[in-house]
Amino acid sequence: MEVFWQQGFEGSSMTDLTTAMGINSPSLYAAFGSKEALYLEAVRHFSETAAAETFRALMEAPTLREGLAGMLYASIGCSTQEGRPQGCMIALGATHCAPENERVRLELKEMRRTLRDTLRLKFETAVAEGLLPRDSDTGSLATYFATVVHGISIQARDGATRKELGAVVLHALAAFDRATRVNDPAGSA
């Protein structure tokens, strides 16, 4: 997972992978069938382990604002772990691929879309409950917050500190507060 996380799908050679796993190529192919299958398994493992807190924070918080804050701070935590690759494997792992690797790119695109769709549903629920104005553009709000999550990953890979990324979270939460102010001056959605 960490080889792919650091180097991306196409940047990781079979030698890199077999060396990291302590096995030979025939064993890798026997266990996974292909580099692509190994990569997709590694991405699923990343999603269930290193990145799991990002979704959990969003889904389990008592308020939408706390969920957004938790998601964004968890994204910082995932993207800036000491001793691990910086950034998010899902956001950065395969945004550009050769045509023969299109399936990998599409799989990650779908995983990124899942975050946006989950956010959109959370915002639609907030509109239905009167926590956001009825005319709120839930799609653009979802895209905005997904973009912040993915931007945190890119900035972390480029060396941004947790403090710098924390300031980004504060700006994103201020934007959310402005969006909710119509119905709730306290911004406690």
Protein backbone atom coordinates (compact mmCIF):
# COMPACT_ATOMS: atom_id res chain seq x y z
CA MET A 1 0.00 0.00 0.00
CA GLU A 2 2.70 2.49 0.95
CA VAL A 3 4.64 1.94 -2.28
CA PHE A 4 1.54 2.76 -4.32
CA TRP A 5 0.65 5.58 -1.91
CA GLN A 6 4.05 7.21 -2.37
CA GLN A 7 4.64 6.52 -6.06
CA GLY A 8 1.17 6.13 -7.55
CA PHE A 9 -0.01 3.27 -9.72
CA GLU A 10 2.14 3.82 -12.78
CA GLY A 11 5.15 5.03 -10.80
CA SER A 12 5.38 1.77 -8.84
CA SER A 13 7.39 -0.93 -10.59
CA MET A 14 6.96 -4.63 -10.04
CA THR A 15 10.42 -4.63 -8.48
CA ASP A 16 9.35 -1.91 -6.03
CA LEU A 17 6.28 -3.92 -5.09
CA THR A 18 7.90 -7.33 -4.77
CA THR A 19 10.79 -5.86 -2.76
CA ALA A 20 8.38 -4.12 -0.36
CA MET A 21 6.32 -7.30 0.02
CA GLY A 22 9.33 -9.60 0.29
CA ILE A 23 8.08 -11.90 -2.46
CA ASN A 24 8.92 -12.63 -6.09
CA SER A 25 6.86 -11.69 -9.14
CA PRO A 26 5.32 -15.14 -9.67
CA SER A 27 4.08 -15.10 -6.06
CA LEU A 28 2.58 -11.65 -6.53
CA TYR A 29 0.79 -12.75 -9.70
CA ALA A 30 -0.39 -15.97 -8.04
CA ALA A 31 -1.82 -14.03 -5.09
CA PHE A 32 -3.34 -11.05 -6.92
CA GLY A 33 -3.41 -11.88 -10.62
CA SER A 34 -2.08 -8.52 -11.77
CA LYS A 35 -0.53 -5.25 -10.65
CA GLU A 36 -3.92 -3.61 -11.22
CA ALA A 37 -5.70 -6.06 -8.91
CA LEU A 38 -3.01 -5.55 -6.25
CA TYR A 39 -3.37 -1.78 -6.58
CA LEU A 40 -7.15 -1.87 -6.23
CA GLU A 41 -6.79 -4.08 -3.16
CA ALA A 42 -4.24 -1.64 -1.71
CA VAL A 43 -6.62 1.28 -2.34
CA ARG A 44 -9.46 -0.58 -0.61
CA HIS A 45 -7.15 -1.29 2.33
CA PHE A 46 -6.14 2.40 2.46
CA SER A 47 -9.81 3.38 2.43
CA GLU A 48 -10.62 0.99 5.27
CA THR A 49 -7.62 1.93 7.41
CA ALA A 50 -5.67 5.16 6.85
CA ALA A 51 -8.59 7.11 5.35
CA ALA A 52 -11.45 5.55 7.33
CA GLU A 53 -11.58 8.32 9.92
CA THR A 54 -12.39 10.89 7.24
CA PHE A 55 -15.75 9.27 6.43
CA ARG A 56 -16.41 8.20 10.01
CA ALA A 57 -15.98 11.76 11.28
CA LEU A 58 -18.46 13.06 8.71
CA MET A 59 -21.06 10.37 9.32
CA GLU A 60 -20.94 10.06 13.11
CA ALA A 61 -20.80 13.68 14.25
CA PRO A 62 -23.87 15.04 16.07
CA THR A 63 -24.13 18.06 13.73
CA LEU A 64 -23.31 18.63 10.09
CA ARG A 65 -20.81 21.36 10.96
CA GLU A 66 -19.01 19.08 13.40
CA GLY A 67 -19.02 16.36 10.75
CA LEU A 68 -17.48 18.67 8.18
CA ALA A 69 -14.86 19.86 10.67
CA GLY A 70 -14.09 16.30 11.71
CA MET A 71 -13.83 15.16 8.10
CA LEU A 72 -11.46 17.99 7.18
CA TYR A 73 -9.25 17.57 10.25
CA ALA A 74 -9.19 13.79 9.71
CA SER A 75 -8.11 14.45 6.13
CA ILE A 76 -5.22 16.53 7.48
CA GLY A 77 -4.33 13.72 9.86
CA CYS A 78 -4.39 11.11 7.11
CA SER A 79 -2.44 13.28 4.69
CA THR A 80 0.30 14.30 7.12
CA GLN A 81 1.11 11.14 9.07
CA GLU A 82 4.69 11.01 10.24
CA GLY A 83 6.63 8.16 8.67
CA ARG A 84 4.07 7.62 5.91
CA PRO A 85 3.61 9.06 2.43
CA GLN A 86 2.06 12.52 2.46
CA GLY A 87 -1.30 13.14 0.82
CA CYS A 88 -4.19 10.79 0.10
CA MET A 89 -3.76 7.68 -2.01
CA ILE A 90 -7.30 8.03 -3.39
CA ALA A 91 -6.85 11.67 -4.37
CA LEU A 92 -3.34 11.36 -5.78
CA GLY A 93 -2.77 7.75 -6.84
CA ALA A 94 -3.98 7.64 -10.42
CA THR A 95 -5.33 10.92 -11.75
CA HIS A 96 -3.45 10.46 -15.03
CA CYS A 97 -2.91 7.03 -16.52
CA ALA A 98 -1.91 5.50 -19.80
CA PRO A 99 -4.94 4.26 -21.79
CA GLU A 100 -4.29 0.65 -20.78
CA ASN A 101 -4.69 1.67 -17.12
CA GLU A 102 -7.96 3.56 -17.53
CA ARG A 103 -9.80 1.11 -15.24
CA VAL A 104 -7.59 2.13 -12.31
CA ARG A 105 -8.21 5.83 -12.94
CA LEU A 106 -11.95 5.25 -13.20
CA GLU A 107 -12.02 3.23 -9.98
CA LEU A 108 -10.36 6.08 -8.05
CA LYS A 109 -12.59 8.63 -9.76
CA GLU A 110 -15.59 6.65 -8.49
CA MET A 111 -14.17 6.59 -4.96
CA ARG A 112 -13.71 10.36 -5.07
CA ARG A 113 -17.25 10.73 -6.43
CA THR A 114 -18.52 8.72 -3.45
CA LEU A 115 -17.24 11.43 -1.09
CA ARG A 116 -18.95 14.15 -3.12
CA ASP A 117 -22.22 12.17 -3.30
CA THR A 118 -22.14 11.50 0.44
CA LEU A 119 -21.62 15.20 1.11
CA ARG A 120 -24.45 16.13 -1.26
CA LEU A 121 -26.83 13.82 0.62
CA LYS A 122 -25.76 15.34 3.95
CA PHE A 123 -26.43 18.83 2.59
CA GLU A 124 -29.80 17.77 1.12
CA THR A 125 -30.80 16.41 4.53
CA ALA A 126 -29.75 19.71 6.12
CA VAL A 127 -31.96 21.59 3.64
CA ALA A 128 -34.89 19.27 4.36
CA GLU A 129 -34.42 19.80 8.10
CA GLY A 130 -34.30 23.58 7.67
CA LEU A 131 -30.64 23.85 8.67
CA LEU A 132 -29.66 25.22 5.28
CA PRO A 133 -31.68 27.61 3.12
CA ARG A 134 -34.10 25.90 0.71
CA ASP A 135 -32.34 27.38 -2.28
CA SER A 136 -28.94 26.00 -1.23
CA ASP A 137 -27.01 24.50 -4.10
CA THR A 138 -26.22 21.19 -2.41
CA GLY A 139 -24.28 19.93 -5.41
CA SER A 140 -21.85 22.85 -5.43
CA LEU A 141 -21.51 22.74 -1.63
CA ALA A 142 -20.61 19.05 -1.89
CA THR A 143 -18.14 19.73 -4.69
CA TYR A 144 -16.61 22.57 -2.67
CA PHE A 145 -16.00 20.44 0.44
CA ALA A 146 -14.76 17.47 -1.61
CA THR A 147 -12.38 19.87 -3.34
CA VAL A 148 -11.10 21.08 0.03
CA VAL A 149 -10.49 17.47 1.11
CA HIS A 150 -8.61 16.70 -2.10
CA GLY A 151 -6.77 20.02 -1.95
CA ILE A 152 -5.57 19.20 1.56
CA SER A 153 -4.04 16.05 0.10
CA ILE A 154 -2.26 17.90 -2.69
CA GLN A 155 -1.00 20.61 -0.34
CA ALA A 156 0.23 17.97 2.15
CA ARG A 157 2.12 16.19 -0.64
CA ASP A 158 3.68 19.56 -1.52
CA GLY A 159 4.84 20.01 2.09
CA ALA A 160 2.13 22.11 3.74
CA THR A 161 2.18 21.86 7.53
CA ARG A 162 -0.71 20.78 9.71
CA LYS A 163 -0.96 24.37 10.93
CA GLU A 164 -1.25 25.70 7.37
CA LEU A 165 -3.85 23.09 6.50
CA GLY A 166 -5.74 23.81 9.72
CA ALA A 167 -6.13 27.41 8.54
CA VAL A 168 -7.71 26.08 5.34
CA VAL A 169 -10.22 24.15 7.44
CA LEU A 170 -11.14 27.31 9.33
CA HIS A 171 -11.83 29.10 6.04
CA ALA A 172 -13.98 26.20 4.82
CA LEU A 173 -15.97 26.18 8.07
CA ALA A 174 -16.43 29.96 7.81
CA ALA A 175 -17.90 29.41 4.35
CA PHE A 176 -20.27 26.82 5.80
CA ASP A 177 -21.24 29.23 8.58
CA ARG A 178 -22.10 31.88 5.98
CA ALA A 179 -24.24 29.35 4.11
CA THR A 180 -26.23 28.49 7.25
CA ARG A 181 -26.53 31.99 8.67
CA VAL A 182 -29.87 32.61 6.91
CA ASN A 183 -31.68 30.13 9.15
CA ASP A 184 -29.40 29.97 12.18
CA PRO A 185 -27.35 33.02 13.20
CA ALA A 186 -25.33 30.82 15.56
CA GLY A 187 -24.29 28.54 12.67
CA SER A 188 -24.98 25.36 14.64
CA ALA A 189 -26.29 23.20 11.79
